[in-house]
Full PDB file with SEQRES, HELIX, SHEET, SSBOND, CRYST1, ORIGX, SCALE, CONECT and MASTER records, all heavy atoms in Angstrom:
SEQRES   1 A   33  ASP ARG TYR GLY MET GLY TRP PHE ARG GLN ALA PRO GLY          
SEQRES   2 A   33  LYS GLU ARG GLU PHE VAL ALA THR ILE SER TRP SER GLY          
SEQRES   3 A   33  ASP ALA GLN ILE TYR ALA ASP                                  
SHEET    1 AA1 3 MET A   5  ARG A   9  0                                        
SHEET    2 AA1 3 GLU A  17  ILE A  22 -1                                        
SHEET    3 AA1 3 GLN A  29  TYR A  31 -1                                        
CRYST1    1.000    1.000    1.000  90.00  90.00  90.00 P 1           1          
ORIGX1      1.000000  0.000000  0.000000        0.00000                         
ORIGX2      0.000000  1.000000  0.000000        0.00000                         
ORIGX3      0.000000  0.000000  1.000000        0.00000                         
SCALE1      1.000000  0.000000  0.000000        0.00000                         
SCALE2      0.000000  1.000000  0.000000        0.00000                         
SCALE3      0.000000  0.000000  1.000000        0.00000                         
ATOM      1  N   ASP A   1     185.302 -22.286   3.602  1.00  0.00           N  
ATOM      2  CA  ASP A   1     184.366 -21.505   2.776  1.00  0.00           C  
ATOM      3  C   ASP A   1     184.970 -20.226   2.236  1.00  0.00           C  
ATOM      4  O   ASP A   1     184.483 -19.683   1.236  1.00  0.00           O  
ATOM      5  CB  ASP A   1     183.117 -21.166   3.578  1.00  0.00           C  
ATOM      6  CG  ASP A   1     182.236 -22.356   3.871  1.00  0.00           C  
ATOM      7  OD1 ASP A   1     182.589 -23.474   3.468  1.00  0.00           O  
ATOM      8  OD2 ASP A   1     181.182 -22.159   4.508  1.00  0.00           O  
ATOM      9  N   ARG A   2     186.033 -19.723   2.857  1.00  0.00           N  
ATOM     10  CA  ARG A   2     186.648 -18.469   2.451  1.00  0.00           C  
ATOM     11  C   ARG A   2     187.893 -18.674   1.590  1.00  0.00           C  
ATOM     12  O   ARG A   2     188.619 -17.708   1.333  1.00  0.00           O  
ATOM     13  CB  ARG A   2     186.988 -17.622   3.670  1.00  0.00           C  
ATOM     14  CG  ARG A   2     185.781 -17.267   4.527  1.00  0.00           C  
ATOM     15  CD  ARG A   2     184.774 -16.453   3.740  1.00  0.00           C  
ATOM     16  NE  ARG A   2     183.628 -16.067   4.556  1.00  0.00           N  
ATOM     17  CZ  ARG A   2     182.578 -15.418   4.116  1.00  0.00           C  
ATOM     18  NH1 ARG A   2     182.514 -15.052   2.832  1.00  0.00           N  
ATOM     19  NH2 ARG A   2     181.588 -15.116   4.931  1.00  0.00           N  
ATOM     20  N   TYR A   3     188.146 -19.883   1.152  1.00  0.00           N  
ATOM     21  CA  TYR A   3     189.295 -20.184   0.304  1.00  0.00           C  
ATOM     22  C   TYR A   3     188.882 -20.294  -1.149  1.00  0.00           C  
ATOM     23  O   TYR A   3     187.933 -21.000  -1.486  1.00  0.00           O  
ATOM     24  CB  TYR A   3     189.953 -21.490   0.730  1.00  0.00           C  
ATOM     25  CG  TYR A   3     190.838 -21.391   1.939  1.00  0.00           C  
ATOM     26  CD1 TYR A   3     190.290 -21.355   3.214  1.00  0.00           C  
ATOM     27  CD2 TYR A   3     192.221 -21.347   1.803  1.00  0.00           C  
ATOM     28  CE1 TYR A   3     191.093 -21.255   4.325  1.00  0.00           C  
ATOM     29  CE2 TYR A   3     193.027 -21.255   2.920  1.00  0.00           C  
ATOM     30  CZ  TYR A   3     192.462 -21.215   4.179  1.00  0.00           C  
ATOM     31  OH  TYR A   3     193.273 -21.133   5.276  1.00  0.00           O  
ATOM     32  N   GLY A   4     189.619 -19.590  -2.006  1.00  0.00           N  
ATOM     33  CA  GLY A   4     189.536 -19.867  -3.417  1.00  0.00           C  
ATOM     34  C   GLY A   4     190.250 -21.175  -3.693  1.00  0.00           C  
ATOM     35  O   GLY A   4     191.289 -21.454  -3.091  1.00  0.00           O  
ATOM     36  N   MET A   5     189.713 -21.970  -4.594  1.00  0.00           N  
ATOM     37  CA  MET A   5     190.260 -23.289  -4.868  1.00  0.00           C  
ATOM     38  C   MET A   5     190.564 -23.431  -6.349  1.00  0.00           C  
ATOM     39  O   MET A   5     189.894 -22.829  -7.200  1.00  0.00           O  
ATOM     40  CB  MET A   5     189.283 -24.387  -4.457  1.00  0.00           C  
ATOM     41  CG  MET A   5     188.881 -24.359  -2.992  1.00  0.00           C  
ATOM     42  SD  MET A   5     190.226 -24.853  -1.886  1.00  0.00           S  
ATOM     43  CE  MET A   5     190.407 -26.577  -2.328  1.00  0.00           C  
ATOM     44  N   GLY A   6     191.571 -24.252  -6.659  1.00  0.00           N  
ATOM     45  CA  GLY A   6     191.913 -24.469  -8.047  1.00  0.00           C  
ATOM     46  C   GLY A   6     192.490 -25.845  -8.294  1.00  0.00           C  
ATOM     47  O   GLY A   6     192.905 -26.542  -7.371  1.00  0.00           O  
ATOM     48  N   TRP A   7     192.492 -26.231  -9.556  1.00  0.00           N  
ATOM     49  CA  TRP A   7     193.137 -27.446 -10.023  1.00  0.00           C  
ATOM     50  C   TRP A   7     194.275 -27.083 -10.981  1.00  0.00           C  
ATOM     51  O   TRP A   7     194.110 -26.226 -11.853  1.00  0.00           O  
ATOM     52  CB  TRP A   7     192.152 -28.362 -10.758  1.00  0.00           C  
ATOM     53  CG  TRP A   7     191.166 -29.051  -9.863  1.00  0.00           C  
ATOM     54  CD1 TRP A   7     189.890 -28.683  -9.602  1.00  0.00           C  
ATOM     55  CD2 TRP A   7     191.390 -30.261  -9.126  1.00  0.00           C  
ATOM     56  NE1 TRP A   7     189.291 -29.577  -8.761  1.00  0.00           N  
ATOM     57  CE2 TRP A   7     190.190 -30.558  -8.448  1.00  0.00           C  
ATOM     58  CE3 TRP A   7     192.473 -31.125  -8.987  1.00  0.00           C  
ATOM     59  CZ2 TRP A   7     190.052 -31.677  -7.628  1.00  0.00           C  
ATOM     60  CZ3 TRP A   7     192.340 -32.232  -8.168  1.00  0.00           C  
ATOM     61  CH2 TRP A   7     191.138 -32.497  -7.506  1.00  0.00           C  
ATOM     62  N   PHE A   8     195.392 -27.764 -10.808  1.00  0.00           N  
ATOM     63  CA  PHE A   8     196.546 -27.626 -11.687  1.00  0.00           C  
ATOM     64  C   PHE A   8     197.003 -29.019 -12.100  1.00  0.00           C  
ATOM     65  O   PHE A   8     196.631 -30.013 -11.473  1.00  0.00           O  
ATOM     66  CB  PHE A   8     197.697 -26.888 -10.991  1.00  0.00           C  
ATOM     67  CG  PHE A   8     197.407 -25.438 -10.725  1.00  0.00           C  
ATOM     68  CD1 PHE A   8     196.596 -25.049  -9.672  1.00  0.00           C  
ATOM     69  CD2 PHE A   8     197.955 -24.449 -11.544  1.00  0.00           C  
ATOM     70  CE1 PHE A   8     196.327 -23.707  -9.432  1.00  0.00           C  
ATOM     71  CE2 PHE A   8     197.702 -23.106 -11.305  1.00  0.00           C  
ATOM     72  CZ  PHE A   8     196.884 -22.738 -10.250  1.00  0.00           C  
ATOM     73  N   ARG A   9     197.813 -29.085 -13.149  1.00  0.00           N  
ATOM     74  CA  ARG A   9     198.350 -30.370 -13.561  1.00  0.00           C  
ATOM     75  C   ARG A   9     199.786 -30.201 -14.040  1.00  0.00           C  
ATOM     76  O   ARG A   9     200.197 -29.132 -14.473  1.00  0.00           O  
ATOM     77  CB  ARG A   9     197.496 -31.004 -14.666  1.00  0.00           C  
ATOM     78  CG  ARG A   9     197.467 -30.245 -15.983  1.00  0.00           C  
ATOM     79  CD  ARG A   9     196.456 -30.868 -16.924  1.00  0.00           C  
ATOM     80  NE  ARG A   9     196.447 -30.215 -18.224  1.00  0.00           N  
ATOM     81  CZ  ARG A   9     195.576 -30.503 -19.190  1.00  0.00           C  
ATOM     82  NH1 ARG A   9     194.639 -31.432 -18.991  1.00  0.00           N  
ATOM     83  NH2 ARG A   9     195.637 -29.857 -20.353  1.00  0.00           N  
ATOM     84  N   GLN A  10     200.537 -31.292 -13.951  1.00  0.00           N  
ATOM     85  CA  GLN A  10     201.937 -31.257 -14.339  1.00  0.00           C  
ATOM     86  C   GLN A  10     202.339 -32.589 -14.972  1.00  0.00           C  
ATOM     87  O   GLN A  10     202.198 -33.642 -14.360  1.00  0.00           O  
ATOM     88  CB  GLN A  10     202.827 -30.965 -13.130  1.00  0.00           C  
ATOM     89  CG  GLN A  10     204.282 -30.733 -13.487  1.00  0.00           C  
ATOM     90  CD  GLN A  10     205.065 -30.146 -12.325  1.00  0.00           C  
ATOM     91  OE1 GLN A  10     204.654 -30.259 -11.169  1.00  0.00           O  
ATOM     92  NE2 GLN A  10     206.174 -29.509 -12.628  1.00  0.00           N  
ATOM     93  N   ALA A  11     202.823 -32.518 -16.197  1.00  0.00           N  
ATOM     94  CA  ALA A  11     203.357 -33.665 -16.897  1.00  0.00           C  
ATOM     95  C   ALA A  11     204.876 -33.674 -16.754  1.00  0.00           C  
ATOM     96  O   ALA A  11     205.487 -32.630 -16.510  1.00  0.00           O  
ATOM     97  CB  ALA A  11     202.956 -33.625 -18.368  1.00  0.00           C  
ATOM     98  N   PRO A  12     205.518 -34.840 -16.918  1.00  0.00           N  
ATOM     99  CA  PRO A  12     206.977 -34.912 -16.791  1.00  0.00           C  
ATOM    100  C   PRO A  12     207.688 -33.931 -17.718  1.00  0.00           C  
ATOM    101  O   PRO A  12     207.364 -33.849 -18.906  1.00  0.00           O  
ATOM    102  CB  PRO A  12     207.294 -36.352 -17.168  1.00  0.00           C  
ATOM    103  CG  PRO A  12     206.054 -37.104 -16.820  1.00  0.00           C  
ATOM    104  CD  PRO A  12     204.935 -36.169 -17.146  1.00  0.00           C  
ATOM    105  N   GLY A  13     208.625 -33.177 -17.165  1.00  0.00           N  
ATOM    106  CA  GLY A  13     209.375 -32.220 -17.942  1.00  0.00           C  
ATOM    107  C   GLY A  13     208.645 -30.941 -18.260  1.00  0.00           C  
ATOM    108  O   GLY A  13     209.185 -30.078 -18.970  1.00  0.00           O  
ATOM    109  N   LYS A  14     207.424 -30.775 -17.758  1.00  0.00           N  
ATOM    110  CA  LYS A  14     206.618 -29.601 -18.029  1.00  0.00           C  
ATOM    111  C   LYS A  14     206.411 -28.792 -16.760  1.00  0.00           C  
ATOM    112  O   LYS A  14     206.507 -29.302 -15.643  1.00  0.00           O  
ATOM    113  CB  LYS A  14     205.257 -29.999 -18.600  1.00  0.00           C  
ATOM    114  CG  LYS A  14     205.312 -30.772 -19.897  1.00  0.00           C  
ATOM    115  CD  LYS A  14     205.738 -29.886 -21.051  1.00  0.00           C  
ATOM    116  CE  LYS A  14     205.625 -30.629 -22.371  1.00  0.00           C  
ATOM    117  NZ  LYS A  14     205.991 -29.758 -23.515  1.00  0.00           N  
ATOM    118  N   GLU A  15     206.108 -27.515 -16.946  1.00  0.00           N  
ATOM    119  CA  GLU A  15     205.736 -26.659 -15.834  1.00  0.00           C  
ATOM    120  C   GLU A  15     204.336 -27.014 -15.358  1.00  0.00           C  
ATOM    121  O   GLU A  15     203.510 -27.507 -16.125  1.00  0.00           O  
ATOM    122  CB  GLU A  15     205.800 -25.191 -16.236  1.00  0.00           C  
ATOM    123  CG  GLU A  15     207.168 -24.690 -16.616  1.00  0.00           C  
ATOM    124  CD  GLU A  15     208.092 -24.603 -15.430  1.00  0.00           C  
ATOM    125  OE1 GLU A  15     207.621 -24.304 -14.320  1.00  0.00           O  
ATOM    126  OE2 GLU A  15     209.298 -24.838 -15.611  1.00  0.00           O  
ATOM    127  N   ARG A  16     204.084 -26.743 -14.098  1.00  0.00           N  
ATOM    128  CA  ARG A  16     202.742 -26.918 -13.565  1.00  0.00           C  
ATOM    129  C   ARG A  16     201.813 -25.897 -14.223  1.00  0.00           C  
ATOM    130  O   ARG A  16     202.106 -24.695 -14.226  1.00  0.00           O  
ATOM    131  CB  ARG A  16     202.750 -26.755 -12.049  1.00  0.00           C  
ATOM    132  CG  ARG A  16     201.438 -27.125 -11.386  1.00  0.00           C  
ATOM    133  CD  ARG A  16     201.614 -27.256  -9.870  1.00  0.00           C  
ATOM    134  NE  ARG A  16     202.547 -28.325  -9.543  1.00  0.00           N  
ATOM    135  CZ  ARG A  16     202.803 -28.724  -8.297  1.00  0.00           C  
ATOM    136  NH1 ARG A  16     202.195 -28.149  -7.270  1.00  0.00           N  
ATOM    137  NH2 ARG A  16     203.672 -29.711  -8.080  1.00  0.00           N  
ATOM    138  N   GLU A  17     200.707 -26.366 -14.790  1.00  0.00           N  
ATOM    139  CA  GLU A  17     199.819 -25.474 -15.529  1.00  0.00           C  
ATOM    140  C   GLU A  17     198.431 -25.409 -14.909  1.00  0.00           C  
ATOM    141  O   GLU A  17     197.922 -26.368 -14.337  1.00  0.00           O  
ATOM    142  CB  GLU A  17     199.716 -25.899 -17.002  1.00  0.00           C  
ATOM    143  CG  GLU A  17     199.035 -27.231 -17.229  1.00  0.00           C  
ATOM    144  CD  GLU A  17     198.789 -27.507 -18.706  1.00  0.00           C  
ATOM    145  OE1 GLU A  17     198.680 -26.551 -19.497  1.00  0.00           O  
ATOM    146  OE2 GLU A  17     198.701 -28.708 -19.067  1.00  0.00           O  
ATOM    147  N   PHE A  18     197.825 -24.258 -15.073  1.00  0.00           N  
ATOM    148  CA  PHE A  18     196.495 -24.003 -14.572  1.00  0.00           C  
ATOM    149  C   PHE A  18     195.460 -24.823 -15.335  1.00  0.00           C  
ATOM    150  O   PHE A  18     195.534 -24.950 -16.558  1.00  0.00           O  
ATOM    151  CB  PHE A  18     196.184 -22.512 -14.717  1.00  0.00           C  
ATOM    152  CG  PHE A  18     194.749 -22.157 -14.493  1.00  0.00           C  
ATOM    153  CD1 PHE A  18     194.222 -22.108 -13.215  1.00  0.00           C  
ATOM    154  CD2 PHE A  18     193.919 -21.866 -15.558  1.00  0.00           C  
ATOM    155  CE1 PHE A  18     192.895 -21.775 -13.008  1.00  0.00           C  
ATOM    156  CE2 PHE A  18     192.602 -21.532 -15.370  1.00  0.00           C  
ATOM    157  CZ  PHE A  18     192.086 -21.492 -14.081  1.00  0.00           C  
ATOM    158  N   VAL A  19     194.480 -25.354 -14.601  1.00  0.00           N  
ATOM    159  CA  VAL A  19     193.380 -26.092 -15.202  1.00  0.00           C  
ATOM    160  C   VAL A  19     192.051 -25.368 -14.980  1.00  0.00           C  
ATOM    161  O   VAL A  19     191.330 -25.068 -15.929  1.00  0.00           O  
ATOM    162  CB  VAL A  19     193.292 -27.525 -14.645  1.00  0.00           C  
ATOM    163  CG1 VAL A  19     192.065 -28.242 -15.193  1.00  0.00           C  
ATOM    164  CG2 VAL A  19     194.561 -28.300 -14.977  1.00  0.00           C  
ATOM    165  N   ALA A  20     191.719 -25.093 -13.711  1.00  0.00           N  
ATOM    166  CA  ALA A  20     190.442 -24.460 -13.398  1.00  0.00           C  
ATOM    167  C   ALA A  20     190.483 -23.892 -11.990  1.00  0.00           C  
ATOM    168  O   ALA A  20     191.253 -24.355 -11.143  1.00  0.00           O  
ATOM    169  CB  ALA A  20     189.290 -25.451 -13.526  1.00  0.00           C  
ATOM    170  N   THR A  21     189.647 -22.902 -11.729  1.00  0.00           N  
ATOM    171  CA  THR A  21     189.519 -22.350 -10.389  1.00  0.00           C  
ATOM    172  C   THR A  21     188.062 -22.019 -10.115  1.00  0.00           C  
ATOM    173  O   THR A  21     187.267 -21.843 -11.047  1.00  0.00           O  
ATOM    174  CB  THR A  21     190.408 -21.107 -10.192  1.00  0.00           C  
ATOM    175  OG1 THR A  21     190.407 -20.712  -8.827  1.00  0.00           O  
ATOM    176  CG2 THR A  21     189.928 -19.948 -11.053  1.00  0.00           C  
ATOM    177  N   ILE A  22     187.714 -21.927  -8.833  1.00  0.00           N  
ATOM    178  CA  ILE A  22     186.329 -21.723  -8.424  1.00  0.00           C  
ATOM    179  C   ILE A  22     186.283 -20.798  -7.215  1.00  0.00           C  
ATOM    180  O   ILE A  22     187.161 -20.835  -6.351  1.00  0.00           O  
ATOM    181  CB  ILE A  22     185.654 -23.081  -8.131  1.00  0.00           C  
ATOM    182  CG1 ILE A  22     184.146 -22.927  -7.944  1.00  0.00           C  
ATOM    183  CG2 ILE A  22     186.287 -23.767  -6.929  1.00  0.00           C  
ATOM    184  CD1 ILE A  22     183.406 -24.265  -7.969  1.00  0.00           C  
ATOM    185  N   SER A  23     185.243 -19.965  -7.159  1.00  0.00           N  
ATOM    186  CA  SER A  23     185.086 -19.002  -6.084  1.00  0.00           C  
ATOM    187  C   SER A  23     184.598 -19.671  -4.801  1.00  0.00           C  
ATOM    188  O   SER A  23     184.276 -20.853  -4.780  1.00  0.00           O  
ATOM    189  CB  SER A  23     184.112 -17.906  -6.504  1.00  0.00           C  
ATOM    190  OG  SER A  23     182.820 -18.437  -6.730  1.00  0.00           O  
ATOM    191  N   TRP A  24     184.513 -18.878  -3.737  1.00  0.00           N  
ATOM    192  CA  TRP A  24     184.073 -19.394  -2.444  1.00  0.00           C  
ATOM    193  C   TRP A  24     182.708 -20.079  -2.532  1.00  0.00           C  
ATOM    194  O   TRP A  24     182.507 -21.162  -1.972  1.00  0.00           O  
ATOM    195  CB  TRP A  24     183.967 -18.270  -1.419  1.00  0.00           C  
ATOM    196  CG  TRP A  24     185.241 -17.568  -1.133  1.00  0.00           C  
ATOM    197  CD1 TRP A  24     186.510 -18.063  -1.252  1.00  0.00           C  
ATOM    198  CD2 TRP A  24     185.374 -16.228  -0.664  1.00  0.00           C  
ATOM    199  NE1 TRP A  24     187.421 -17.115  -0.885  1.00  0.00           N  
ATOM    200  CE2 TRP A  24     186.752 -15.974  -0.515  1.00  0.00           C  
ATOM    201  CE3 TRP A  24     184.461 -15.218  -0.356  1.00  0.00           C  
ATOM    202  CZ2 TRP A  24     187.243 -14.754  -0.078  1.00  0.00           C  
ATOM    203  CZ3 TRP A  24     184.957 -13.997   0.095  1.00  0.00           C  
ATOM    204  CH2 TRP A  24     186.324 -13.767   0.226  1.00  0.00           C  
ATOM    205  N   SER A  25     181.767 -19.428  -3.205  1.00  0.00           N  
ATOM    206  CA  SER A  25     180.409 -19.934  -3.299  1.00  0.00           C  
ATOM    207  C   SER A  25     180.241 -21.006  -4.375  1.00  0.00           C  
ATOM    208  O   SER A  25     179.237 -21.710  -4.378  1.00  0.00           O  
ATOM    209  CB  SER A  25     179.447 -18.789  -3.587  1.00  0.00           C  
ATOM    210  OG  SER A  25     179.672 -18.255  -4.872  1.00  0.00           O  
ATOM    211  N   GLY A  26     181.206 -21.108  -5.278  1.00  0.00           N  
ATOM    212  CA  GLY A  26     181.076 -21.989  -6.416  1.00  0.00           C  
ATOM    213  C   GLY A  26     180.384 -21.346  -7.595  1.00  0.00           C  
ATOM    214  O   GLY A  26     180.243 -21.980  -8.651  1.00  0.00           O  
ATOM    215  N   ASP A  27     179.970 -20.100  -7.457  1.00  0.00           N  
ATOM    216  CA  ASP A  27     179.206 -19.416  -8.488  1.00  0.00           C  
ATOM    217  C   ASP A  27     180.053 -19.018  -9.687  1.00  0.00           C  
ATOM    218  O   ASP A  27     179.541 -18.971 -10.810  1.00  0.00           O  
ATOM    219  CB  ASP A  27     178.538 -18.182  -7.894  1.00  0.00           C  
ATOM    220  CG  ASP A  27     177.618 -17.483  -8.852  1.00  0.00           C  
ATOM    221  OD1 ASP A  27     176.692 -18.149  -9.380  1.00  0.00           O  
ATOM    222  OD2 ASP A  27     177.802 -16.278  -9.088  1.00  0.00           O  
ATOM    223  N   ALA A  28     181.321 -18.707  -9.463  1.00  0.00           N  
ATOM    224  CA  ALA A  28     182.209 -18.254 -10.525  1.00  0.00           C  
ATOM    225  C   ALA A  28     183.293 -19.286 -10.782  1.00  0.00           C  
ATOM    226  O   ALA A  28     183.937 -19.767  -9.848  1.00  0.00           O  
ATOM    227  CB  ALA A  28     182.829 -16.908 -10.165  1.00  0.00           C  
ATOM    228  N   GLN A  29     183.508 -19.608 -12.064  1.00  0.00           N  
ATOM    229  CA  GLN A  29     184.485 -20.601 -12.464  1.00  0.00           C  
ATOM    230  C   GLN A  29     185.293 -20.082 -13.644  1.00  0.00           C  
ATOM    231  O   GLN A  29     184.760 -19.391 -14.510  1.00  0.00           O  
ATOM    232  CB  GLN A  29     183.797 -21.901 -12.863  1.00  0.00           C  
ATOM    233  CG  GLN A  29     182.883 -22.483 -11.799  1.00  0.00           C  
ATOM    234  CD  GLN A  29     181.773 -23.329 -12.382  1.00  0.00           C  
ATOM    235  OE1 GLN A  29     181.922 -23.856 -13.477  1.00  0.00           O  
ATOM    236  NE2 GLN A  29     180.682 -23.447 -11.658  1.00  0.00           N  
ATOM    237  N   ILE A  30     186.570 -20.429 -13.674  1.00  0.00           N  
ATOM    238  CA  ILE A  30     187.452 -20.082 -14.781  1.00  0.00           C  
ATOM    239  C   ILE A  30     188.172 -21.340 -15.224  1.00  0.00           C  
ATOM    240  O   ILE A  30     188.645 -22.115 -14.396  1.00  0.00           O  
ATOM    241  CB  ILE A  30     188.472 -19.004 -14.380  1.00  0.00           C  
ATOM    242  CG1 ILE A  30     187.770 -17.750 -13.860  1.00  0.00           C  
ATOM    243  CG2 ILE A  30     189.364 -18.644 -15.567  1.00  0.00           C  
ATOM    244  CD1 ILE A  30     188.722 -16.712 -13.293  1.00  0.00           C  
ATOM    245  N   TYR A  31     188.271 -21.529 -16.548  1.00  0.00           N  
ATOM    246  CA  TYR A  31     188.906 -22.721 -17.100  1.00  0.00           C  
ATOM    247  C   TYR A  31     190.007 -22.348 -18.070  1.00  0.00           C  
ATOM    248  O   TYR A  31     189.928 -21.342 -18.783  1.00  0.00           O  
ATOM    249  CB  TYR A  31     187.882 -23.575 -17.849  1.00  0.00           C  
ATOM    250  CG  TYR A  31     186.784 -24.125 -16.989  1.00  0.00           C  
ATOM    251  CD1 TYR A  31     185.587 -23.435 -16.834  1.00  0.00           C  
ATOM    252  CD2 TYR A  31     186.947 -25.339 -16.328  1.00  0.00           C  
ATOM    253  CE1 TYR A  31     184.572 -23.948 -16.039  1.00  0.00           C  
ATOM    254  CE2 TYR A  31     185.942 -25.850 -15.535  1.00  0.00           C  
ATOM    255  CZ  TYR A  31     184.752 -25.149 -15.395  1.00  0.00           C  
ATOM    256  OH  TYR A  31     183.753 -25.654 -14.610  1.00  0.00           O  
ATOM    257  N   ALA A  32     191.039 -23.181 -18.113  1.00  0.00           N  
ATOM    258  CA  ALA A  32     192.035 -23.061 -19.157  1.00  0.00           C  
ATOM    259  C   ALA A  32     191.394 -23.393 -20.498  1.00  0.00           C  
ATOM    260  O   ALA A  32     190.485 -24.226 -20.582  1.00  0.00           O  
ATOM    261  CB  ALA A  32     193.200 -24.005 -18.891  1.00  0.00           C  
ATOM    262  N   ASP A  33     191.868 -22.746 -21.559  1.00  0.00           N  
ATOM    263  CA  ASP A  33     191.305 -22.982 -22.878  1.00  0.00           C  
ATOM    264  C   ASP A  33     191.388 -24.453 -23.283  1.00  0.00           C  
ATOM    265  O   ASP A  33     190.507 -24.964 -23.982  1.00  0.00           O  
ATOM    266  CB  ASP A  33     192.022 -22.126 -23.913  1.00  0.00           C  
ATOM    267  CG  ASP A  33     191.667 -20.657 -23.810  1.00  0.00           C  
ATOM    268  OD1 ASP A  33     190.644 -20.328 -23.185  1.00  0.00           O  
ATOM    269  OD2 ASP A  33     192.427 -19.831 -24.351  1.00  0.00           O  
TER     270      ASP A  33                                                      
MASTER        0    0    0    0    3    0    0    6  269    1    0    3          
END                                                                             
């Protein structure tokens, strides 16, 4: 419950990129454009 969580993705030959993250409660979310 006290961990911030996120999703990332990586295609071949590419850097790992941010996708989305979520707060402990799930109330706050941030997304890549």
